[in-house]
Amino acid sequence: MRPFVRETGLVAPLDRPNVDTDQIIPKQFLKRIERTGFGQFLFFDWRYLPDGRPDPSFILNEPRYQGASILVAGRNFGCGSSREHAPWALAEYGFRAIIAPSFADIFRNNCAQNGLLTVVLPEEQVHTLIQKTLETPGYTLTIDLEQQTVSDDAGFNATFDIDPFVKTRLLNGLDEIGMTLQREAAIAAFEQRRPAWLNPA
């Protein structure tokens, strides 16, 4: 998992509440068995017209937001089903962090498992960021996970809370498998001490 320490990046706004995981990655694209290949289908029903052309009215299709690595969204982002494909699609599209007033719990946990930082800020601060993003071409933010801060070059500064365990995992790029492998020597020693009759044939 790619560590998250500090990200300075272009910001894209998605000023919609209750964006659910079926909107993030529609169900018809969940047939893949790999974790890759989902970025092209992110927000598919909003990004594309019925004939397959990009919908020019969808804000993320505007040229000025291409290459954004930070998404600022409305409250209760990631609600709906528990599909882990949603953070896979967001990450593969290029997002490293999402800022919102609130997130669905399962979605937030899935993001942490995949190196995608979710930042909760008060609704008024999120509204300020969305307005700045809409009004300022090339608007960028810096998110510092070590310091737990969000800032820009124009005086915006905010702090956010994060579970210390999740913070450590993100800073070190560790998913659950990575955390387990940190104890590989202890696991091997335990296996050596196991009675032979407990070992699988």
N, C-alpha and C. Protein backbone atom coordinates (compact mmCIF):
# COMPACT_ATOMS: atom_id res chain seq x y z
N MET A 1 0.84 -1.18 0.00
CA MET A 1 0.00 0.00 0.00
C MET A 1 0.88 1.24 0.00
N ARG A 2 0.57 2.21 -0.82
CA ARG A 2 1.37 3.42 -0.93
C ARG A 2 1.19 4.29 0.32
N PRO A 3 2.28 4.64 1.01
CA PRO A 3 2.15 5.46 2.21
C PRO A 3 1.56 6.83 1.90
N PHE A 4 0.85 7.39 2.86
CA PHE A 4 0.36 8.76 2.76
C PHE A 4 1.00 9.55 3.88
N VAL A 5 1.83 10.53 3.51
CA VAL A 5 2.47 11.39 4.51
C VAL A 5 2.03 12.83 4.31
N ARG A 6 2.23 13.33 3.10
CA ARG A 6 1.88 14.72 2.79
C ARG A 6 1.51 14.81 1.33
N GLU A 7 0.39 15.42 1.03
CA GLU A 7 -0.08 15.53 -0.35
C GLU A 7 -0.41 16.99 -0.66
N THR A 8 0.25 17.52 -1.67
CA THR A 8 -0.11 18.83 -2.22
C THR A 8 -0.65 18.58 -3.61
N GLY A 9 -1.92 18.91 -3.83
CA GLY A 9 -2.51 18.56 -5.10
C GLY A 9 -3.68 19.44 -5.50
N LEU A 10 -4.01 19.32 -6.77
CA LEU A 10 -5.17 20.00 -7.32
C LEU A 10 -6.43 19.47 -6.67
N VAL A 11 -7.40 20.36 -6.43
CA VAL A 11 -8.63 19.99 -5.74
C VAL A 11 -9.80 20.00 -6.72
N ALA A 12 -10.65 18.98 -6.60
CA ALA A 12 -11.88 18.90 -7.40
C ALA A 12 -13.07 18.90 -6.45
N PRO A 13 -14.15 19.63 -6.79
CA PRO A 13 -15.32 19.68 -5.92
C PRO A 13 -16.43 18.74 -6.39
N LEU A 14 -17.10 18.13 -5.44
CA LEU A 14 -18.31 17.35 -5.75
C LEU A 14 -19.33 17.71 -4.67
N ASP A 15 -20.01 18.82 -4.90
CA ASP A 15 -20.89 19.40 -3.89
C ASP A 15 -22.24 18.70 -3.89
N ARG A 16 -22.22 17.43 -3.49
CA ARG A 16 -23.43 16.62 -3.40
C ARG A 16 -23.40 15.83 -2.10
N PRO A 17 -24.51 15.82 -1.34
CA PRO A 17 -24.56 14.98 -0.15
C PRO A 17 -24.96 13.55 -0.50
N ASN A 18 -24.68 12.64 0.39
CA ASN A 18 -25.15 11.26 0.28
C ASN A 18 -24.75 10.58 -1.02
N VAL A 19 -23.51 10.79 -1.43
CA VAL A 19 -23.00 10.09 -2.62
C VAL A 19 -22.75 8.65 -2.22
N ASP A 20 -23.52 7.73 -2.80
CA ASP A 20 -23.39 6.34 -2.35
C ASP A 20 -22.42 5.56 -3.23
N THR A 21 -22.08 4.37 -2.76
CA THR A 21 -21.05 3.58 -3.44
C THR A 21 -21.51 3.10 -4.81
N ASP A 22 -22.82 3.00 -5.03
CA ASP A 22 -23.30 2.60 -6.36
C ASP A 22 -23.14 3.73 -7.36
N GLN A 23 -23.09 4.96 -6.88
CA GLN A 23 -22.78 6.09 -7.75
C GLN A 23 -21.27 6.20 -7.98
N ILE A 24 -20.51 5.86 -6.95
CA ILE A 24 -19.05 5.91 -7.08
C ILE A 24 -18.58 4.87 -8.09
N ILE A 25 -19.06 3.63 -7.96
CA ILE A 25 -18.73 2.57 -8.91
C ILE A 25 -19.97 1.70 -9.10
N PRO A 26 -20.71 1.89 -10.19
CA PRO A 26 -21.96 1.16 -10.41
C PRO A 26 -21.76 -0.35 -10.42
N LYS A 27 -22.82 -1.04 -10.04
CA LYS A 27 -22.77 -2.49 -9.81
C LYS A 27 -22.37 -3.29 -11.03
N GLN A 28 -22.65 -2.79 -12.24
CA GLN A 28 -22.34 -3.59 -13.44
C GLN A 28 -20.84 -3.75 -13.67
N PHE A 29 -20.02 -2.99 -12.92
CA PHE A 29 -18.58 -3.07 -13.09
C PHE A 29 -17.90 -3.87 -11.98
N LEU A 30 -18.68 -4.59 -11.20
CA LEU A 30 -18.11 -5.32 -10.07
C LEU A 30 -17.75 -6.76 -10.40
N LYS A 31 -17.72 -7.09 -11.67
CA LYS A 31 -17.44 -8.48 -12.07
C LYS A 31 -15.96 -8.80 -12.14
N ARG A 32 -15.12 -7.76 -12.13
CA ARG A 32 -13.69 -7.99 -12.20
C ARG A 32 -13.21 -8.64 -10.91
N ILE A 33 -12.21 -9.51 -11.01
CA ILE A 33 -11.68 -10.16 -9.82
C ILE A 33 -10.39 -9.49 -9.34
N GLU A 34 -9.86 -8.56 -10.14
CA GLU A 34 -8.67 -7.82 -9.72
C GLU A 34 -9.09 -6.55 -9.00
N ARG A 35 -8.10 -5.91 -8.36
CA ARG A 35 -8.36 -4.62 -7.71
C ARG A 35 -8.16 -3.46 -8.67
N THR A 36 -7.74 -3.74 -9.88
CA THR A 36 -7.44 -2.69 -10.84
C THR A 36 -8.50 -2.64 -11.93
N GLY A 37 -8.47 -1.54 -12.68
CA GLY A 37 -9.37 -1.39 -13.81
C GLY A 37 -10.67 -0.69 -13.50
N PHE A 38 -10.81 -0.16 -12.29
CA PHE A 38 -12.08 0.46 -11.90
C PHE A 38 -12.07 1.98 -12.07
N GLY A 39 -10.90 2.59 -12.17
CA GLY A 39 -10.83 4.05 -12.26
C GLY A 39 -11.58 4.62 -13.44
N GLN A 40 -11.56 3.91 -14.56
CA GLN A 40 -12.24 4.43 -15.75
C GLN A 40 -13.75 4.45 -15.59
N PHE A 41 -14.27 3.70 -14.59
CA PHE A 41 -15.71 3.63 -14.40
C PHE A 41 -16.20 4.46 -13.20
N LEU A 42 -15.29 5.22 -12.59
CA LEU A 42 -15.66 6.05 -11.45
C LEU A 42 -16.76 7.04 -11.84
N PHE A 43 -17.81 7.10 -11.02
CA PHE A 43 -18.95 8.00 -11.26
C PHE A 43 -19.49 7.83 -12.69
N PHE A 44 -19.52 6.60 -13.16
CA PHE A 44 -19.82 6.33 -14.58
C PHE A 44 -21.13 6.96 -15.03
N ASP A 45 -22.18 6.80 -14.23
CA ASP A 45 -23.50 7.30 -14.66
C ASP A 45 -23.56 8.81 -14.70
N TRP A 46 -22.65 9.47 -13.99
CA TRP A 46 -22.60 10.93 -14.02
C TRP A 46 -21.60 11.43 -15.06
N ARG A 47 -20.53 10.68 -15.26
CA ARG A 47 -19.47 11.14 -16.15
C ARG A 47 -19.80 10.99 -17.62
N TYR A 48 -20.68 10.03 -17.94
CA TYR A 48 -20.90 9.71 -19.35
C TYR A 48 -22.37 9.83 -19.75
N LEU A 49 -22.57 10.25 -20.98
CA LEU A 49 -23.91 10.27 -21.58
C LEU A 49 -24.28 8.87 -22.05
N PRO A 50 -25.57 8.62 -22.37
CA PRO A 50 -25.97 7.28 -22.81
C PRO A 50 -25.20 6.77 -24.03
N ASP A 51 -24.70 7.69 -24.88
CA ASP A 51 -23.95 7.24 -26.06
C ASP A 51 -22.47 7.03 -25.78
N GLY A 52 -22.07 7.18 -24.51
CA GLY A 52 -20.68 6.92 -24.13
C GLY A 52 -19.78 8.13 -24.13
N ARG A 53 -20.27 9.27 -24.59
CA ARG A 53 -19.44 10.48 -24.57
C ARG A 53 -19.42 11.09 -23.18
N PRO A 54 -18.30 11.74 -22.79
CA PRO A 54 -18.27 12.42 -21.50
C PRO A 54 -19.35 13.48 -21.41
N ASP A 55 -20.03 13.54 -20.28
CA ASP A 55 -21.08 14.53 -20.07
C ASP A 55 -20.43 15.85 -19.67
N PRO A 56 -20.52 16.89 -20.51
CA PRO A 56 -19.84 18.15 -20.20
C PRO A 56 -20.44 18.87 -18.99
N SER A 57 -21.64 18.46 -18.56
CA SER A 57 -22.26 19.12 -17.42
C SER A 57 -21.77 18.57 -16.08
N PHE A 58 -21.08 17.42 -16.09
CA PHE A 58 -20.57 16.86 -14.85
C PHE A 58 -19.26 17.54 -14.49
N ILE A 59 -19.18 18.03 -13.28
CA ILE A 59 -18.09 18.94 -12.90
C ILE A 59 -16.71 18.31 -13.01
N LEU A 60 -16.59 17.02 -12.72
CA LEU A 60 -15.26 16.41 -12.81
C LEU A 60 -14.78 16.24 -14.24
N ASN A 61 -15.68 16.44 -15.21
CA ASN A 61 -15.27 16.38 -16.61
C ASN A 61 -14.70 17.70 -17.11
N GLU A 62 -14.81 18.76 -16.30
CA GLU A 62 -14.25 20.04 -16.71
C GLU A 62 -12.73 19.93 -16.78
N PRO A 63 -12.13 20.47 -17.85
CA PRO A 63 -10.67 20.35 -18.01
C PRO A 63 -9.86 20.84 -16.82
N ARG A 64 -10.37 21.86 -16.12
CA ARG A 64 -9.56 22.43 -15.03
C ARG A 64 -9.42 21.49 -13.83
N TYR A 65 -10.23 20.43 -13.78
CA TYR A 65 -10.13 19.49 -12.66
C TYR A 65 -9.43 18.19 -13.03
N GLN A 66 -8.94 18.11 -14.25
CA GLN A 66 -8.24 16.89 -14.65
C GLN A 66 -6.91 16.78 -13.90
N GLY A 67 -6.65 15.62 -13.36
CA GLY A 67 -5.43 15.41 -12.60
C GLY A 67 -5.55 15.75 -11.13
N ALA A 68 -6.77 16.03 -10.66
CA ALA A 68 -6.95 16.35 -9.25
C ALA A 68 -6.62 15.14 -8.38
N SER A 69 -5.99 15.40 -7.24
CA SER A 69 -5.67 14.31 -6.31
C SER A 69 -6.42 14.43 -4.99
N ILE A 70 -7.16 15.54 -4.83
CA ILE A 70 -7.95 15.76 -3.61
C ILE A 70 -9.38 16.07 -4.02
N LEU A 71 -10.32 15.33 -3.44
CA LEU A 71 -11.74 15.52 -3.72
C LEU A 71 -12.40 16.13 -2.49
N VAL A 72 -13.18 17.20 -2.69
CA VAL A 72 -13.95 17.80 -1.61
C VAL A 72 -15.42 17.53 -1.89
N ALA A 73 -16.10 16.88 -0.96
CA ALA A 73 -17.45 16.39 -1.22
C ALA A 73 -18.40 16.75 -0.09
N GLY A 74 -19.70 16.43 -0.30
CA GLY A 74 -20.72 16.70 0.68
C GLY A 74 -20.77 15.65 1.78
N ARG A 75 -21.66 15.86 2.72
CA ARG A 75 -21.77 15.00 3.90
C ARG A 75 -22.22 13.59 3.52
N ASN A 76 -21.88 12.65 4.40
CA ASN A 76 -22.27 11.24 4.27
C ASN A 76 -21.75 10.63 2.96
N PHE A 77 -20.53 10.97 2.61
CA PHE A 77 -19.93 10.44 1.39
C PHE A 77 -19.64 8.95 1.58
N GLY A 78 -19.94 8.16 0.55
CA GLY A 78 -19.65 6.73 0.59
C GLY A 78 -20.70 5.89 1.28
N CYS A 79 -21.91 6.40 1.39
CA CYS A 79 -22.99 5.62 2.02
C CYS A 79 -23.42 4.50 1.07
N GLY A 80 -24.35 3.68 1.52
CA GLY A 80 -24.84 2.59 0.68
C GLY A 80 -24.15 1.29 1.00
N SER A 81 -23.82 0.53 -0.03
CA SER A 81 -23.27 -0.81 0.17
C SER A 81 -21.83 -0.74 0.65
N SER A 82 -21.31 -1.89 1.08
CA SER A 82 -19.97 -1.94 1.67
C SER A 82 -18.89 -2.25 0.64
N ARG A 83 -19.18 -2.17 -0.63
CA ARG A 83 -18.23 -2.60 -1.67
C ARG A 83 -16.89 -1.86 -1.57
N GLU A 84 -15.82 -2.64 -1.51
CA GLU A 84 -14.48 -2.07 -1.43
C GLU A 84 -14.03 -1.52 -2.78
N HIS A 85 -14.79 -1.85 -3.83
CA HIS A 85 -14.46 -1.35 -5.16
C HIS A 85 -14.52 0.17 -5.23
N ALA A 86 -15.30 0.80 -4.35
CA ALA A 86 -15.43 2.27 -4.38
C ALA A 86 -14.09 2.96 -4.11
N PRO A 87 -13.39 2.66 -3.02
CA PRO A 87 -12.07 3.27 -2.86
C PRO A 87 -11.06 2.82 -3.90
N TRP A 88 -11.20 1.59 -4.41
CA TRP A 88 -10.31 1.17 -5.50
C TRP A 88 -10.47 2.11 -6.70
N ALA A 89 -11.71 2.40 -7.06
CA ALA A 89 -11.98 3.26 -8.22
C ALA A 89 -11.48 4.68 -7.98
N LEU A 90 -11.73 5.22 -6.79
CA LEU A 90 -11.29 6.58 -6.48
C LEU A 90 -9.76 6.68 -6.52
N ALA A 91 -9.09 5.70 -5.94
CA ALA A 91 -7.62 5.72 -5.91
C ALA A 91 -7.03 5.56 -7.30
N GLU A 92 -7.60 4.65 -8.09
CA GLU A 92 -7.05 4.44 -9.43
C GLU A 92 -7.30 5.63 -10.34
N TYR A 93 -8.39 6.36 -10.09
CA TYR A 93 -8.65 7.58 -10.85
C TYR A 93 -7.60 8.65 -10.56
N GLY A 94 -7.01 8.59 -9.37
CA GLY A 94 -5.95 9.52 -9.03
C GLY A 94 -6.13 10.26 -7.71
N PHE A 95 -7.23 10.01 -7.02
CA PHE A 95 -7.45 10.69 -5.74
C PHE A 95 -6.62 10.05 -4.64
N ARG A 96 -5.99 10.90 -3.84
CA ARG A 96 -5.23 10.43 -2.68
C ARG A 96 -5.96 10.73 -1.38
N ALA A 97 -6.87 11.71 -1.42
CA ALA A 97 -7.58 12.10 -0.21
C ALA A 97 -8.95 12.65 -0.56
N ILE A 98 -9.89 12.47 0.37
CA ILE A 98 -11.24 13.00 0.23
C ILE A 98 -11.55 13.79 1.49
N ILE A 99 -12.06 15.00 1.30
CA ILE A 99 -12.46 15.85 2.41
C ILE A 99 -13.98 15.98 2.38
N ALA A 100 -14.62 15.76 3.51
CA ALA A 100 -16.08 15.87 3.58
C ALA A 100 -16.49 16.12 5.04
N PRO A 101 -17.73 16.59 5.26
CA PRO A 101 -18.18 16.78 6.64
C PRO A 101 -18.41 15.45 7.38
N SER A 102 -18.69 14.38 6.64
CA SER A 102 -18.88 13.06 7.25
C SER A 102 -18.78 12.00 6.18
N PHE A 103 -18.47 10.78 6.63
CA PHE A 103 -18.35 9.63 5.75
C PHE A 103 -19.14 8.47 6.34
N ALA A 104 -19.59 7.56 5.47
CA ALA A 104 -20.13 6.29 5.95
C ALA A 104 -18.98 5.50 6.58
N ASP A 105 -19.25 4.86 7.70
CA ASP A 105 -18.19 4.20 8.47
C ASP A 105 -17.49 3.10 7.68
N ILE A 106 -18.25 2.23 7.02
CA ILE A 106 -17.63 1.12 6.30
C ILE A 106 -16.78 1.65 5.15
N PHE A 107 -17.29 2.64 4.44
CA PHE A 107 -16.52 3.24 3.36
C PHE A 107 -15.21 3.82 3.88
N ARG A 108 -15.29 4.51 5.01
CA ARG A 108 -14.09 5.12 5.57
C ARG A 108 -13.06 4.06 5.95
N ASN A 109 -13.52 2.96 6.52
CA ASN A 109 -12.60 1.87 6.86
C ASN A 109 -11.98 1.26 5.61
N ASN A 110 -12.79 1.10 4.56
CA ASN A 110 -12.27 0.54 3.31
C ASN A 110 -11.22 1.46 2.70
N CYS A 111 -11.42 2.78 2.81
CA CYS A 111 -10.42 3.72 2.31
C CYS A 111 -9.10 3.55 3.05
N ALA A 112 -9.17 3.44 4.37
CA ALA A 112 -7.95 3.28 5.15
C ALA A 112 -7.21 2.01 4.78
N GLN A 113 -7.96 0.97 4.40
CA GLN A 113 -7.35 -0.30 3.99
C GLN A 113 -6.61 -0.18 2.66
N ASN A 114 -6.90 0.90 1.91
CA ASN A 114 -6.35 1.02 0.56
C ASN A 114 -5.54 2.30 0.37
N GLY A 115 -5.10 2.90 1.48
CA GLY A 115 -4.20 4.05 1.38
C GLY A 115 -4.86 5.34 0.98
N LEU A 116 -6.18 5.43 1.07
CA LEU A 116 -6.91 6.64 0.70
C LEU A 116 -7.32 7.37 1.97
N LEU A 117 -6.85 8.58 2.16
CA LEU A 117 -7.11 9.33 3.38
C LEU A 117 -8.47 10.01 3.32
N THR A 118 -9.27 9.84 4.36
CA THR A 118 -10.54 10.55 4.49
C THR A 118 -10.40 11.58 5.61
N VAL A 119 -10.69 12.82 5.29
CA VAL A 119 -10.54 13.94 6.23
C VAL A 119 -11.91 14.52 6.54
N VAL A 120 -12.27 14.52 7.80
CA VAL A 120 -13.54 15.12 8.22
C VAL A 120 -13.28 16.54 8.73
N LEU A 121 -13.94 17.51 8.09
CA LEU A 121 -13.89 18.90 8.52
C LEU A 121 -15.31 19.40 8.75
N PRO A 122 -15.49 20.44 9.56
CA PRO A 122 -16.83 21.00 9.75
C PRO A 122 -17.44 21.45 8.42
N GLU A 123 -18.76 21.40 8.36
CA GLU A 123 -19.46 21.69 7.11
C GLU A 123 -19.13 23.07 6.56
N GLU A 124 -18.97 24.06 7.45
CA GLU A 124 -18.68 25.40 6.96
C GLU A 124 -17.29 25.48 6.33
N GLN A 125 -16.33 24.72 6.85
CA GLN A 125 -15.00 24.70 6.25
C GLN A 125 -15.02 23.97 4.91
N VAL A 126 -15.78 22.91 4.83
CA VAL A 126 -15.91 22.20 3.55
C VAL A 126 -16.55 23.11 2.52
N HIS A 127 -17.58 23.85 2.92
CA HIS A 127 -18.23 24.79 2.00
C HIS A 127 -17.23 25.84 1.52
N THR A 128 -16.38 26.33 2.42
CA THR A 128 -15.36 27.30 2.03
C THR A 128 -14.42 26.72 0.99
N LEU A 129 -13.99 25.49 1.21
CA LEU A 129 -13.08 24.85 0.25
C LEU A 129 -13.74 24.65 -1.11
N ILE A 130 -15.00 24.25 -1.11
CA ILE A 130 -15.71 24.07 -2.37
C ILE A 130 -15.80 25.40 -3.12
N GLN A 131 -16.12 26.47 -2.41
CA GLN A 131 -16.19 27.79 -3.06
C GLN A 131 -14.84 28.22 -3.60
N LYS A 132 -13.78 27.98 -2.84
CA LYS A 132 -12.44 28.32 -3.32
C LYS A 132 -12.10 27.52 -4.58
N THR A 133 -12.50 26.26 -4.59
CA THR A 133 -12.20 25.40 -5.74
C THR A 133 -12.95 25.87 -6.98
N LEU A 134 -14.19 26.30 -6.79
CA LEU A 134 -14.99 26.78 -7.92
C LEU A 134 -14.50 28.12 -8.45
N GLU A 135 -14.00 28.96 -7.55
CA GLU A 135 -13.66 30.34 -7.91
C GLU A 135 -12.20 30.53 -8.31
N THR A 136 -11.33 29.58 -7.94
CA THR A 136 -9.90 29.76 -8.16
C THR A 136 -9.36 28.69 -9.09
N PRO A 137 -9.07 29.02 -10.34
CA PRO A 137 -8.49 28.03 -11.25
C PRO A 137 -7.18 27.47 -10.70
N GLY A 138 -7.03 26.17 -10.79
CA GLY A 138 -5.80 25.53 -10.32
C GLY A 138 -5.66 25.53 -8.81
N TYR A 139 -6.78 25.58 -8.10
CA TYR A 139 -6.72 25.64 -6.63
C TYR A 139 -6.13 24.36 -6.07
N THR A 140 -5.16 24.54 -5.17
CA THR A 140 -4.47 23.38 -4.57
C THR A 140 -4.55 23.46 -3.05
N LEU A 141 -4.46 22.31 -2.44
CA LEU A 141 -4.39 22.18 -0.99
C LEU A 141 -3.20 21.30 -0.62
N THR A 142 -2.74 21.47 0.60
CA THR A 142 -1.74 20.57 1.18
C THR A 142 -2.35 19.89 2.39
N ILE A 143 -2.33 18.57 2.37
CA ILE A 143 -2.79 17.79 3.52
C ILE A 143 -1.57 17.12 4.13
N ASP A 144 -1.31 17.46 5.37
CA ASP A 144 -0.16 16.89 6.10
C ASP A 144 -0.72 15.93 7.14
N LEU A 145 -0.52 14.64 6.92
CA LEU A 145 -1.07 13.65 7.84
C LEU A 145 -0.32 13.64 9.16
N GLU A 146 0.99 13.82 9.13
CA GLU A 146 1.74 13.83 10.38
C GLU A 146 1.25 14.94 11.31
N GLN A 147 1.01 16.13 10.75
CA GLN A 147 0.55 17.27 11.54
C GLN A 147 -0.97 17.34 11.64
N GLN A 148 -1.66 16.54 10.83
CA GLN A 148 -3.13 16.51 10.77
C GLN A 148 -3.69 17.90 10.42
N THR A 149 -3.16 18.47 9.34
CA THR A 149 -3.57 19.79 8.90
C THR A 149 -3.96 19.80 7.43
N VAL A 150 -4.83 20.73 7.09
CA VAL A 150 -5.22 21.03 5.71
C VAL A 150 -4.99 22.52 5.50
N SER A 151 -4.25 22.91 4.46
CA SER A 151 -3.93 24.32 4.27
C SER A 151 -3.79 24.65 2.80
N ASP A 152 -3.93 25.95 2.50
CA ASP A 152 -3.63 26.44 1.16
C ASP A 152 -2.68 27.63 1.28
N ASP A 153 -2.36 28.26 0.14
CA ASP A 153 -1.42 29.37 0.14
C ASP A 153 -2.10 30.70 0.41
N ALA A 154 -3.42 30.68 0.62
CA ALA A 154 -4.16 31.93 0.80
C ALA A 154 -4.65 32.12 2.23
N GLY A 155 -4.15 31.33 3.16
CA GLY A 155 -4.49 31.53 4.55
C GLY A 155 -5.46 30.54 5.15
N PHE A 156 -5.96 29.59 4.35
CA PHE A 156 -6.84 28.59 4.93
C PHE A 156 -6.02 27.57 5.71
N ASN A 157 -6.42 27.34 6.94
CA ASN A 157 -5.75 26.33 7.78
C ASN A 157 -6.79 25.63 8.63
N ALA A 158 -6.74 24.32 8.65
CA ALA A 158 -7.66 23.54 9.46
C ALA A 158 -6.93 22.32 9.99
N THR A 159 -7.41 21.82 11.11
CA THR A 159 -6.88 20.59 11.66
C THR A 159 -7.97 19.53 11.66
N PHE A 160 -7.57 18.28 11.63
CA PHE A 160 -8.54 17.20 11.62
C PHE A 160 -8.10 16.09 12.56
N ASP A 161 -9.08 15.33 13.02
CA ASP A 161 -8.82 14.18 13.89
C ASP A 161 -8.73 12.90 13.07
N ILE A 162 -7.95 11.97 13.54
CA ILE A 162 -7.86 10.67 12.91
C ILE A 162 -7.47 9.64 13.96
N ASP A 163 -7.99 8.45 13.86
CA ASP A 163 -7.64 7.39 14.78
C ASP A 163 -6.12 7.14 14.70
N PRO A 164 -5.44 7.12 15.85
CA PRO A 164 -3.97 6.96 15.84
C PRO A 164 -3.51 5.69 15.12
N PHE A 165 -4.26 4.60 15.27
CA PHE A 165 -3.88 3.35 14.61
C PHE A 165 -3.99 3.49 13.10
N VAL A 166 -5.07 4.10 12.63
CA VAL A 166 -5.24 4.33 11.18
C VAL A 166 -4.15 5.26 10.67
N LYS A 167 -3.84 6.28 11.43
CA LYS A 167 -2.78 7.21 11.04
C LYS A 167 -1.45 6.50 10.85
N THR A 168 -1.08 5.65 11.80
CA THR A 168 0.17 4.90 11.70
C THR A 168 0.19 4.02 10.47
N ARG A 169 -0.93 3.34 10.22
CA ARG A 169 -0.99 2.46 9.05
C ARG A 169 -0.83 3.25 7.76
N LEU A 170 -1.51 4.39 7.65
CA LEU A 170 -1.42 5.19 6.42
C LEU A 170 -0.01 5.75 6.24
N LEU A 171 0.58 6.27 7.31
CA LEU A 171 1.92 6.83 7.21
C LEU A 171 2.94 5.80 6.75
N ASN A 172 2.72 4.55 7.13
CA ASN A 172 3.67 3.49 6.80
C ASN A 172 3.23 2.61 5.64
N GLY A 173 2.07 2.90 5.06
CA GLY A 173 1.60 2.13 3.92
C GLY A 173 1.30 0.69 4.26
N LEU A 174 0.62 0.47 5.39
CA LEU A 174 0.36 -0.89 5.86
C LEU A 174 -1.13 -1.20 5.83
N ASP A 175 -1.52 -2.20 5.05
CA ASP A 175 -2.87 -2.73 5.16
C ASP A 175 -2.83 -3.85 6.21
N GLU A 176 -3.93 -4.61 6.35
CA GLU A 176 -3.98 -5.65 7.38
C GLU A 176 -2.93 -6.73 7.14
N ILE A 177 -2.70 -7.06 5.87
CA ILE A 177 -1.67 -8.06 5.55
C ILE A 177 -0.29 -7.54 5.94
N GLY A 178 -0.04 -6.27 5.61
CA GLY A 178 1.24 -5.66 5.96
C GLY A 178 1.46 -5.62 7.46
N MET A 179 0.39 -5.32 8.20
CA MET A 179 0.50 -5.32 9.66
C MET A 179 0.85 -6.71 10.18
N THR A 180 0.22 -7.72 9.59
CA THR A 180 0.49 -9.10 10.01
C THR A 180 1.93 -9.49 9.70
N LEU A 181 2.42 -9.09 8.52
CA LEU A 181 3.77 -9.47 8.14
C LEU A 181 4.84 -8.81 9.01
N GLN A 182 4.49 -7.74 9.69
CA GLN A 182 5.44 -7.16 10.64
C GLN A 182 5.74 -8.11 11.79
N ARG A 183 4.85 -9.05 12.00
CA ARG A 183 5.01 -10.04 13.08
C ARG A 183 5.44 -11.39 12.52
N GLU A 184 6.02 -11.37 11.31
CA GLU A 184 6.34 -12.62 10.63
C GLU A 184 7.29 -13.51 11.46
N ALA A 185 8.29 -12.91 12.10
CA ALA A 185 9.25 -13.70 12.89
C ALA A 185 8.55 -14.36 14.07
N ALA A 186 7.67 -13.61 14.74
CA ALA A 186 6.95 -14.17 15.88
C ALA A 186 6.00 -15.28 15.45
N ILE A 187 5.37 -15.09 14.28
CA ILE A 187 4.47 -16.13 13.76
C ILE A 187 5.25 -17.39 13.43
N ALA A 188 6.41 -17.22 12.80
CA ALA A 188 7.24 -18.38 12.45
C ALA A 188 7.71 -19.11 13.71
N ALA A 189 8.08 -18.34 14.74
CA ALA A 189 8.51 -18.97 15.99
C ALA A 189 7.37 -19.75 16.64
N PHE A 190 6.18 -19.19 16.59
CA PHE A 190 5.01 -19.88 17.13
C PHE A 190 4.75 -21.18 16.38
N GLU A 191 4.85 -21.13 15.07
CA GLU A 191 4.62 -22.33 14.25
C GLU A 191 5.65 -23.41 14.57
N GLN A 192 6.88 -22.99 14.86
CA GLN A 192 7.93 -23.97 15.19
C GLN A 192 7.62 -24.68 16.51
N ARG A 193 6.95 -23.99 17.41
CA ARG A 193 6.65 -24.57 18.73
C ARG A 193 5.39 -25.44 18.72
N ARG A 194 4.64 -25.39 17.65
CA ARG A 194 3.40 -26.15 17.60
C ARG A 194 3.69 -27.66 17.59
N PRO A 195 2.93 -28.43 18.31
CA PRO A 195 3.09 -29.90 18.24
C PRO A 195 2.86 -30.38 16.80
N ALA A 196 3.62 -31.39 16.43
CA ALA A 196 3.55 -31.90 15.04
C ALA A 196 2.13 -32.34 14.68
N TRP A 197 1.38 -32.85 15.65
CA TRP A 197 0.05 -33.37 15.33
C TRP A 197 -0.94 -32.23 15.01
N LEU A 198 -0.59 -30.98 15.33
CA LEU A 198 -1.44 -29.84 15.00
C LEU A 198 -1.16 -29.29 13.62
N ASN A 199 -0.03 -29.65 13.03
CA ASN A 199 0.32 -29.14 11.73
C ASN A 199 -0.46 -29.84 10.64
N PRO A 200 -0.91 -29.11 9.63
CA PRO A 200 -1.67 -29.75 8.55
C PRO A 200 -0.79 -30.74 7.78
N ALA A 201 -1.40 -31.75 7.26
CA ALA A 201 -0.68 -32.79 6.54
C ALA A 201 -0.16 -32.23 5.22
